[in-house]
PDB file of all heavy atoms in Angstrom:
ATOM      1  N   THR A   1      98.226 103.992 108.937  1.00  0.00           N
ATOM      2  CA  THR A   1      99.641 103.713 108.648  1.00  0.00           C
ATOM      3  C   THR A   1      99.818 103.054 107.286  1.00  0.00           C
ATOM      4  O   THR A   1     100.885 102.532 106.979  1.00  0.00           O
ATOM      5  CB  THR A   1     100.239 102.803 109.734  1.00  0.00           C
ATOM      6  OG1 THR A   1      99.509 101.560 109.775  1.00  0.00           O
ATOM      7  CG2 THR A   1     100.172 103.470 111.093  1.00  0.00           C
ATOM      8  N   THR A   2      98.766 103.055 106.464  1.00  0.00           N
ATOM      9  CA  THR A   2      98.822 102.433 105.154  1.00  0.00           C
ATOM     10  C   THR A   2      98.836 103.493 104.061  1.00  0.00           C
ATOM     11  O   THR A   2      98.754 104.682 104.331  1.00  0.00           O
ATOM     12  CB  THR A   2      97.619 101.500 104.945  1.00  0.00           C
ATOM     13  OG1 THR A   2      96.409 102.282 104.951  1.00  0.00           O
ATOM     14  CG2 THR A   2      97.533 100.465 106.061  1.00  0.00           C
ATOM     15  N   VAL A   3      98.931 103.030 102.821  1.00  0.00           N
ATOM     16  CA  VAL A   3      98.903 103.924 101.659  1.00  0.00           C
ATOM     17  C   VAL A   3      97.708 103.534 100.791  1.00  0.00           C
ATOM     18  O   VAL A   3      97.576 102.375 100.411  1.00  0.00           O
ATOM     19  CB  VAL A   3     100.206 103.807 100.842  1.00  0.00           C
ATOM     20  CG1 VAL A   3     100.091 104.584  99.532  1.00  0.00           C
ATOM     21  CG2 VAL A   3     101.384 104.315 101.658  1.00  0.00           C
ATOM     22  N   PRO A   4      96.811 104.476 100.481  1.00  0.00           N
ATOM     23  CA  PRO A   4      95.665 104.139  99.624  1.00  0.00           C
ATOM     24  C   PRO A   4      96.126 103.662  98.253  1.00  0.00           C
ATOM     25  O   PRO A   4      97.151 104.115  97.727  1.00  0.00           O
ATOM     26  CB  PRO A   4      94.897 105.466  99.515  1.00  0.00           C
ATOM     27  CG  PRO A   4      95.392 106.297 100.659  1.00  0.00           C
ATOM     28  CD  PRO A   4      96.801 105.882 100.912  1.00  0.00           C
ATOM     29  N   ALA A   5      95.364 102.748  97.670  1.00  0.00           N
ATOM     30  CA  ALA A   5      95.701 102.247  96.336  1.00  0.00           C
ATOM     31  C   ALA A   5      95.585 103.347  95.289  1.00  0.00           C
ATOM     32  O   ALA A   5      96.108 103.210  94.184  1.00  0.00           O
ATOM     33  CB  ALA A   5      94.796 101.072  95.969  1.00  0.00           C
ATOM     34  N   SER A   6      94.907 104.447  95.641  1.00  0.00           N
ATOM     35  CA  SER A   6      94.794 105.582  94.721  1.00  0.00           C
ATOM     36  C   SER A   6      95.992 106.524  94.819  1.00  0.00           C
ATOM     37  O   SER A   6      96.099 107.464  94.028  1.00  0.00           O
ATOM     38  CB  SER A   6      93.506 106.364  95.014  1.00  0.00           C
ATOM     39  OG  SER A   6      93.477 106.796  96.371  1.00  0.00           O
ATOM     40  N   ASP A   7      96.889 106.295  95.793  1.00  0.00           N
ATOM     41  CA  ASP A   7      98.095 107.104  95.934  1.00  0.00           C
ATOM     42  C   ASP A   7      98.963 106.926  94.686  1.00  0.00           C
ATOM     43  O   ASP A   7      99.030 105.847  94.090  1.00  0.00           O
ATOM     44  CB  ASP A   7      98.865 106.652  97.181  1.00  0.00           C
ATOM     45  CG  ASP A   7     100.074 107.518  97.463  1.00  0.00           C
ATOM     46  OD1 ASP A   7     101.141 107.251  96.869  1.00  0.00           O
ATOM     47  OD2 ASP A   7      99.953 108.449  98.265  1.00  0.00           O
ATOM     48  N   LYS A   8      99.640 107.993  94.300  1.00  0.00           N
ATOM     49  CA  LYS A   8     100.402 107.923  93.061  1.00  0.00           C
ATOM     50  C   LYS A   8     101.530 106.894  93.129  1.00  0.00           C
ATOM     51  O   LYS A   8     101.921 106.322  92.111  1.00  0.00           O
ATOM     52  CB  LYS A   8     100.954 109.298  92.684  1.00  0.00           C
ATOM     53  CG  LYS A   8     102.049 109.857  93.575  1.00  0.00           C
ATOM     54  CD  LYS A   8     102.517 111.196  93.014  1.00  0.00           C
ATOM     55  CE  LYS A   8     103.701 111.767  93.774  1.00  0.00           C
ATOM     56  NZ  LYS A   8     104.162 113.051  93.196  1.00  0.00           N
ATOM     57  N   ARG A   9     102.038 106.620  94.338  1.00  0.00           N
ATOM     58  CA  ARG A   9     103.072 105.584  94.457  1.00  0.00           C
ATOM     59  C   ARG A   9     102.518 104.214  94.097  1.00  0.00           C
ATOM     60  O   ARG A   9     103.147 103.427  93.380  1.00  0.00           O
ATOM     61  CB  ARG A   9     103.623 105.567  95.884  1.00  0.00           C
ATOM     62  CG  ARG A   9     104.479 106.753  96.264  1.00  0.00           C
ATOM     63  CD  ARG A   9     104.816 106.752  97.741  1.00  0.00           C
ATOM     64  NE  ARG A   9     103.636 107.051  98.559  1.00  0.00           N
ATOM     65  CZ  ARG A   9     103.610 107.002  99.882  1.00  0.00           C
ATOM     66  NH1 ARG A   9     104.709 106.648 100.546  1.00  0.00           N
ATOM     67  NH2 ARG A   9     102.521 107.316 100.544  1.00  0.00           N
ATOM     68  N   ALA A  10     101.303 103.931  94.592  1.00  0.00           N
ATOM     69  CA  ALA A  10     100.671 102.645  94.293  1.00  0.00           C
ATOM     70  C   ALA A  10     100.322 102.546  92.817  1.00  0.00           C
ATOM     71  O   ALA A  10     100.480 101.483  92.196  1.00  0.00           O
ATOM     72  CB  ALA A  10      99.424 102.469  95.151  1.00  0.00           C
ATOM     73  N   LEU A  11      99.838 103.642  92.233  1.00  0.00           N
ATOM     74  CA  LEU A  11      99.501 103.637  90.812  1.00  0.00           C
ATOM     75  C   LEU A  11     100.755 103.448  89.964  1.00  0.00           C
ATOM     76  O   LEU A  11     100.722 102.765  88.932  1.00  0.00           O
ATOM     77  CB  LEU A  11      98.810 104.951  90.441  1.00  0.00           C
ATOM     78  CG  LEU A  11      97.444 105.208  91.094  1.00  0.00           C
ATOM     79  CD1 LEU A  11      96.963 106.616  90.768  1.00  0.00           C
ATOM     80  CD2 LEU A  11      96.422 104.179  90.638  1.00  0.00           C
ATOM     81  N   PHE A  12     101.858 104.044  90.399  1.00  0.00           N
ATOM     82  CA  PHE A  12     103.106 103.964  89.641  1.00  0.00           C
ATOM     83  C   PHE A  12     103.661 102.540  89.633  1.00  0.00           C
ATOM     84  O   PHE A  12     104.018 102.005  88.578  1.00  0.00           O
ATOM     85  CB  PHE A  12     104.116 104.936  90.251  1.00  0.00           C
ATOM     86  CG  PHE A  12     105.477 104.908  89.609  1.00  0.00           C
ATOM     87  CD1 PHE A  12     105.631 105.182  88.269  1.00  0.00           C
ATOM     88  CD2 PHE A  12     106.609 104.616  90.364  1.00  0.00           C
ATOM     89  CE1 PHE A  12     106.890 105.159  87.671  1.00  0.00           C
ATOM     90  CE2 PHE A  12     107.864 104.594  89.783  1.00  0.00           C
ATOM     91  CZ  PHE A  12     108.006 104.867  88.436  1.00  0.00           C
ATOM     92  N   VAL A  13     103.717 101.929  90.797  1.00  0.00           N
ATOM     93  CA  VAL A  13     104.253 100.564  90.902  1.00  0.00           C
ATOM     94  C   VAL A  13     103.249  99.542  90.383  1.00  0.00           C
ATOM     95  O   VAL A  13     103.611  98.578  89.699  1.00  0.00           O
ATOM     96  CB  VAL A  13     104.631 100.256  92.366  1.00  0.00           C
ATOM     97  CG1 VAL A  13     104.974  98.786  92.546  1.00  0.00           C
ATOM     98  CG2 VAL A  13     105.799 101.123  92.799  1.00  0.00           C
ATOM     99  N   GLY A  14     101.966  99.755  90.696  1.00  0.00           N
ATOM    100  CA  GLY A  14     100.936  98.783  90.348  1.00  0.00           C
ATOM    101  C   GLY A  14     100.678  97.850  91.522  1.00  0.00           C
ATOM    102  O   GLY A  14     101.633  97.300  92.095  1.00  0.00           O
ATOM    103  N   VAL A  15      99.419  97.687  91.878  1.00  0.00           N
ATOM    104  CA  VAL A  15      99.082  96.838  93.020  1.00  0.00           C
ATOM    105  C   VAL A  15      99.514  95.398  92.768  1.00  0.00           C
ATOM    106  O   VAL A  15      99.985  94.711  93.680  1.00  0.00           O
ATOM    107  CB  VAL A  15      97.565  96.909  93.318  1.00  0.00           C
ATOM    108  CG1 VAL A  15      97.177  95.914  94.404  1.00  0.00           C
ATOM    109  CG2 VAL A  15      97.179  98.316  93.744  1.00  0.00           C
ATOM    110  N   ASP A  16      99.380  94.939  91.524  1.00  0.00           N
ATOM    111  CA  ASP A  16      99.770  93.550  91.216  1.00  0.00           C
ATOM    112  C   ASP A  16     101.253  93.324  91.476  1.00  0.00           C
ATOM    113  O   ASP A  16     101.649  92.289  92.039  1.00  0.00           O
ATOM    114  CB  ASP A  16      99.431  93.222  89.763  1.00  0.00           C
ATOM    115  CG  ASP A  16      97.926  93.144  89.514  1.00  0.00           C
ATOM    116  OD1 ASP A  16      97.184  92.999  90.505  1.00  0.00           O
ATOM    117  OD2 ASP A  16      97.504  93.241  88.350  1.00  0.00           O
ATOM    118  N   ALA A  17     102.089  94.288  91.066  1.00  0.00           N
ATOM    119  CA  ALA A  17     103.533  94.156  91.293  1.00  0.00           C
ATOM    120  C   ALA A  17     103.845  94.196  92.784  1.00  0.00           C
ATOM    121  O   ALA A  17     104.720  93.462  93.262  1.00  0.00           O
ATOM    122  CB  ALA A  17     104.282  95.266  90.562  1.00  0.00           C
ATOM    123  N   TYR A  18     103.128  95.041  93.505  1.00  0.00           N
ATOM    124  CA  TYR A  18     103.317  95.139  94.960  1.00  0.00           C
ATOM    125  C   TYR A  18     102.957  93.819  95.637  1.00  0.00           C
ATOM    126  O   TYR A  18     103.688  93.319  96.498  1.00  0.00           O
ATOM    127  CB  TYR A  18     102.468  96.286  95.487  1.00  0.00           C
ATOM    128  CG  TYR A  18     102.241  96.296  96.982  1.00  0.00           C
ATOM    129  CD1 TYR A  18     103.204  96.772  97.866  1.00  0.00           C
ATOM    130  CD2 TYR A  18     101.046  95.821  97.517  1.00  0.00           C
ATOM    131  CE1 TYR A  18     102.984  96.787  99.232  1.00  0.00           C
ATOM    132  CE2 TYR A  18     100.812  95.834  98.880  1.00  0.00           C
ATOM    133  CZ  TYR A  18     101.786  96.312  99.735  1.00  0.00           C
ATOM    134  OH  TYR A  18     101.552  96.307 101.084  1.00  0.00           O
ATOM    135  N   VAL A  19     101.840  93.224  95.245  1.00  0.00           N
ATOM    136  CA  VAL A  19     101.421  91.936  95.823  1.00  0.00           C
ATOM    137  C   VAL A  19     102.403  90.837  95.448  1.00  0.00           C
ATOM    138  O   VAL A  19     102.753  89.984  96.264  1.00  0.00           O
ATOM    139  CB  VAL A  19      99.990  91.588  95.363  1.00  0.00           C
ATOM    140  CG1 VAL A  19      99.615  90.172  95.791  1.00  0.00           C
ATOM    141  CG2 VAL A  19      98.982  92.589  95.925  1.00  0.00           C
ATOM    142  N   ALA A  20     102.869  90.865  94.184  1.00  0.00           N
ATOM    143  CA  ALA A  20     103.833  89.857  93.740  1.00  0.00           C
ATOM    144  C   ALA A  20     105.130  89.928  94.533  1.00  0.00           C
ATOM    145  O   ALA A  20     105.816  88.915  94.714  1.00  0.00           O
ATOM    146  CB  ALA A  20     104.118  90.041  92.254  1.00  0.00           C
ATOM    147  N   ALA A  21     105.459  91.116  95.038  1.00  0.00           N
ATOM    148  CA  ALA A  21     106.677  91.299  95.838  1.00  0.00           C
ATOM    149  C   ALA A  21     106.466  90.925  97.298  1.00  0.00           C
ATOM    150  O   ALA A  21     107.390  91.045  98.103  1.00  0.00           O
ATOM    151  CB  ALA A  21     107.161  92.741  95.726  1.00  0.00           C
ATOM    152  N   GLY A  22     105.257  90.482  97.635  1.00  0.00           N
ATOM    153  CA  GLY A  22     104.988  90.054  99.006  1.00  0.00           C
ATOM    154  C   GLY A  22     104.186  91.037  99.831  1.00  0.00           C
ATOM    155  O   GLY A  22     103.996  90.824 101.032  1.00  0.00           O
ATOM    156  N   GLY A  23     103.700  92.105  99.223  1.00  0.00           N
ATOM    157  CA  GLY A  23     102.918  93.094  99.959  1.00  0.00           C
ATOM    158  C   GLY A  23     101.480  92.652 100.164  1.00  0.00           C
ATOM    159  O   GLY A  23     100.941  91.846  99.399  1.00  0.00           O
ATOM    160  N   THR A  24     100.863  93.160 101.196  1.00  0.00           N
ATOM    161  CA  THR A  24      99.468  92.840 101.497  1.00  0.00           C
ATOM    162  C   THR A  24      98.594  94.071 101.267  1.00  0.00           C
ATOM    163  O   THR A  24      99.033  95.206 101.450  1.00  0.00           O
ATOM    164  CB  THR A  24      99.296  92.362 102.949  1.00  0.00           C
ATOM    165  OG1 THR A  24      99.833  93.361 103.842  1.00  0.00           O
ATOM    166  CG2 THR A  24     100.036  91.055 103.180  1.00  0.00           C
ATOM    167  N   VAL A  25      97.348  93.807 100.877  1.00  0.00           N
ATOM    168  CA  VAL A  25      96.395  94.876 100.589  1.00  0.00           C
ATOM    169  C   VAL A  25      95.183  94.697 101.490  1.00  0.00           C
ATOM    170  O   VAL A  25      94.606  93.611 101.568  1.00  0.00           O
ATOM    171  CB  VAL A  25      95.949  94.853  99.114  1.00  0.00           C
ATOM    172  CG1 VAL A  25      94.946  95.977  98.841  1.00  0.00           C
ATOM    173  CG2 VAL A  25      97.145  94.982  98.195  1.00  0.00           C
ATOM    174  N   LEU A  26      94.818  95.753 102.201  1.00  0.00           N
ATOM    175  CA  LEU A  26      93.605  95.744 103.011  1.00  0.00           C
ATOM    176  C   LEU A  26      92.440  96.164 102.132  1.00  0.00           C
ATOM    177  O   LEU A  26      92.531  97.148 101.400  1.00  0.00           O
ATOM    178  CB  LEU A  26      93.733  96.713 104.193  1.00  0.00           C
ATOM    179  CG  LEU A  26      94.917  96.506 105.141  1.00  0.00           C
ATOM    180  CD1 LEU A  26      94.881  97.549 106.261  1.00  0.00           C
ATOM    181  CD2 LEU A  26      94.880  95.103 105.733  1.00  0.00           C
ATOM    182  N   ARG A  27      91.333  95.417 102.189  1.00  0.00           N
ATOM    183  CA  ARG A  27      90.164  95.743 101.375  1.00  0.00           C
ATOM    184  C   ARG A  27      88.944  95.932 102.263  1.00  0.00           C
ATOM    185  O   ARG A  27      88.798  95.271 103.291  1.00  0.00           O
ATOM    186  CB  ARG A  27      89.872  94.623 100.363  1.00  0.00           C
ATOM    187  CG  ARG A  27      90.970  94.385  99.335  1.00  0.00           C
ATOM    188  CD  ARG A  27      91.317  95.642  98.561  1.00  0.00           C
ATOM    189  NE  ARG A  27      90.183  96.252  97.921  1.00  0.00           N
ATOM    190  CZ  ARG A  27      89.821  96.022  96.651  1.00  0.00           C
ATOM    191  NH1 ARG A  27      90.533  95.189  95.907  1.00  0.00           N
ATOM    192  NH2 ARG A  27      88.768  96.637  96.135  1.00  0.00           N
ATOM    193  N   ASP A  28      88.095  96.839 101.841  1.00  0.00           N
ATOM    194  CA  ASP A  28      86.826  97.084 102.529  1.00  0.00           C
ATOM    195  C   ASP A  28      85.724  96.466 101.683  1.00  0.00           C
ATOM    196  O   ASP A  28      85.475  96.911 100.563  1.00  0.00           O
ATOM    197  CB  ASP A  28      86.607  98.586 102.699  1.00  0.00           C
ATOM    198  CG  ASP A  28      85.430  98.903 103.618  1.00  0.00           C
ATOM    199  OD1 ASP A  28      84.577  98.013 103.785  1.00  0.00           O
ATOM    200  OD2 ASP A  28      85.376 100.014 104.158  1.00  0.00           O
ATOM    201  N   LEU A  29      85.070  95.441 102.205  1.00  0.00           N
ATOM    202  CA  LEU A  29      84.033  94.745 101.447  1.00  0.00           C
ATOM    203  C   LEU A  29      82.689  95.447 101.521  1.00  0.00           C
ATOM    204  O   LEU A  29      81.733  95.029 100.851  1.00  0.00           O
ATOM    205  CB  LEU A  29      83.883  93.301 101.959  1.00  0.00           C
ATOM    206  CG  LEU A  29      85.111  92.400 101.820  1.00  0.00           C
ATOM    207  CD1 LEU A  29      84.776  90.991 102.292  1.00  0.00           C
ATOM    208  CD2 LEU A  29      85.612  92.373 100.391  1.00  0.00           C
ATOM    209  N   PHE A  30      82.595  96.497 102.330  1.00  0.00           N
ATOM    210  CA  PHE A  30      81.293  97.114 102.556  1.00  0.00           C
ATOM    211  C   PHE A  30      81.192  98.533 101.994  1.00  0.00           C
ATOM    212  O   PHE A  30      80.103  99.066 101.880  1.00  0.00           O
ATOM    213  CB  PHE A  30      80.988  97.146 104.055  1.00  0.00           C
ATOM    214  CG  PHE A  30      80.963  95.783 104.676  1.00  0.00           C
ATOM    215  CD1 PHE A  30      82.087  95.254 105.277  1.00  0.00           C
ATOM    216  CD2 PHE A  30      79.819  95.006 104.631  1.00  0.00           C
ATOM    217  CE1 PHE A  30      82.074  93.984 105.846  1.00  0.00           C
ATOM    218  CE2 PHE A  30      79.791  93.748 105.190  1.00  0.00           C
ATOM    219  CZ  PHE A  30      80.915  93.234 105.795  1.00  0.00           C
ATOM    220  N   GLU A  31      82.315  99.149 101.680  1.00  0.00           N
ATOM    221  CA  GLU A  31      82.310 100.500 101.138  1.00  0.00           C
ATOM    222  C   GLU A  31      83.251 100.539  99.937  1.00  0.00           C
ATOM    223  O   GLU A  31      84.167  99.730  99.827  1.00  0.00           O
ATOM    224  CB  GLU A  31      82.792 101.519 102.191  1.00  0.00           C
ATOM    225  CG  GLU A  31      81.905 101.640 103.419  1.00  0.00           C
ATOM    226  CD  GLU A  31      80.662 102.464 103.171  1.00  0.00           C
ATOM    227  OE1 GLU A  31      80.637 103.161 102.136  1.00  0.00           O
ATOM    228  OE2 GLU A  31      79.724 102.408 103.988  1.00  0.00           O
ATOM    229  N   ALA A  32      82.998 101.496  99.031  1.00  0.00           N
ATOM    230  CA  ALA A  32      83.917 101.690  97.916  1.00  0.00           C
ATOM    231  C   ALA A  32      85.273 102.125  98.476  1.00  0.00           C
ATOM    232  O   ALA A  32      85.365 103.126  99.180  1.00  0.00           O
ATOM    233  CB  ALA A  32      83.369 102.746  96.962  1.00  0.00           C
ATOM    234  N   ASP A  33      86.305 101.348  98.199  1.00  0.00           N
ATOM    235  CA  ASP A  33      87.617 101.642  98.799  1.00  0.00           C
ATOM    236  C   ASP A  33      88.671 102.030  97.763  1.00  0.00           C
ATOM    237  O   ASP A  33      89.844 102.143  98.082  1.00  0.00           O
ATOM    238  CB  ASP A  33      88.109 100.441  99.623  1.00  0.00           C
ATOM    239  CG  ASP A  33      88.312  99.184  98.772  1.00  0.00           C
ATOM    240  OD1 ASP A  33      88.154  99.272  97.539  1.00  0.00           O
ATOM    241  OD2 ASP A  33      88.619  98.120  99.346  1.00  0.00           O
ATOM    242  N   ASN A  34      88.250 102.201  96.495  1.00  0.00           N
ATOM    243  CA  ASN A  34      89.182 102.629  95.445  1.00  0.00           C
ATOM    244  C   ASN A  34      90.421 101.740  95.377  1.00  0.00           C
ATOM    245  O   ASN A  34      91.536 102.223  95.195  1.00  0.00           O
ATOM    246  CB  ASN A  34      89.600 104.092  95.648  1.00  0.00           C
ATOM    247  CG  ASN A  34      88.443 105.053  95.538  1.00  0.00           C
ATOM    248  OD1 ASN A  34      87.595 104.906  94.661  1.00  0.00           O
ATOM    249  ND2 ASN A  34      88.364 106.014  96.443  1.00  0.00           N
ATOM    250  N   GLY A  35      90.215 100.459  95.544  1.00  0.00           N
ATOM    251  CA  GLY A  35      91.337  99.528  95.428  1.00  0.00           C
ATOM    252  C   GLY A  35      91.966  99.123  96.736  1.00  0.00           C
ATOM    253  O   GLY A  35      92.879  98.293  96.754  1.00  0.00           O
ATOM    254  N   GLY A  36      91.514  99.717  97.848  1.00  0.00           N
ATOM    255  CA  GLY A  36      92.019  99.314  99.154  1.00  0.00           C
ATOM    256  C   GLY A  36      93.209 100.130  99.627  1.00  0.00           C
ATOM    257  O   GLY A  36      93.467 101.240  99.161  1.00  0.00           O
ATOM    258  N   TRP A  37      93.946  99.529 100.555  1.00  0.00           N
ATOM    259  CA  TRP A  37      95.096 100.197 101.176  1.00  0.00           C
ATOM    260  C   TRP A  37      96.287  99.247 101.169  1.00  0.00           C
ATOM    261  O   TRP A  37      96.168  98.067 101.520  1.00  0.00           O
ATOM    262  CB  TRP A  37      94.787 100.599 102.618  1.00  0.00           C
ATOM    263  CG  TRP A  37      93.684 101.592 102.750  1.00  0.00           C
ATOM    264  CD1 TRP A  37      93.787 102.945 102.839  1.00  0.00           C
ATOM    265  CD2 TRP A  37      92.273 101.309 102.836  1.00  0.00           C
ATOM    266  NE1 TRP A  37      92.554 103.526 102.958  1.00  0.00           N
ATOM    267  CE2 TRP A  37      91.601 102.545 102.965  1.00  0.00           C
ATOM    268  CE3 TRP A  37      91.511 100.134 102.804  1.00  0.00           C
ATOM    269  CZ2 TRP A  37      90.221 102.626 103.055  1.00  0.00           C
ATOM    270  CZ3 TRP A  37      90.138 100.215 102.888  1.00  0.00           C
ATOM    271  CH2 TRP A  37      89.500 101.463 103.019  1.00  0.00           C
ATOM    272  N   LEU A  38      97.452  99.751 100.798  1.00  0.00           N
ATOM    273  CA  LEU A  38      98.675  98.957 100.791  1.00  0.00           C
ATOM    274  C   LEU A  38      99.310  99.050 102.170  1.00  0.00           C
ATOM    275  O   LEU A  38      99.625 100.151 102.642  1.00  0.00           O
ATOM    276  CB  LEU A  38      99.629  99.454  99.710  1.00  0.00           C
ATOM    277  CG  LEU A  38      99.314  99.004  98.271  1.00  0.00           C
ATOM    278  CD1 LEU A  38      97.944  99.501  97.813  1.00  0.00           C
ATOM    279  CD2 LEU A  38     100.384  99.475  97.305  1.00  0.00           C
TER     280      LEU A  38
END
């Protein structure tokens, strides 16, 4: 139910801007996750 950080929407807005707006990012510490999931 999330959006990968590699999705064009996430790239367009920017993960930093998304986090600054109160969004949370799921990260995988054990596998390459390409920036995680929004």
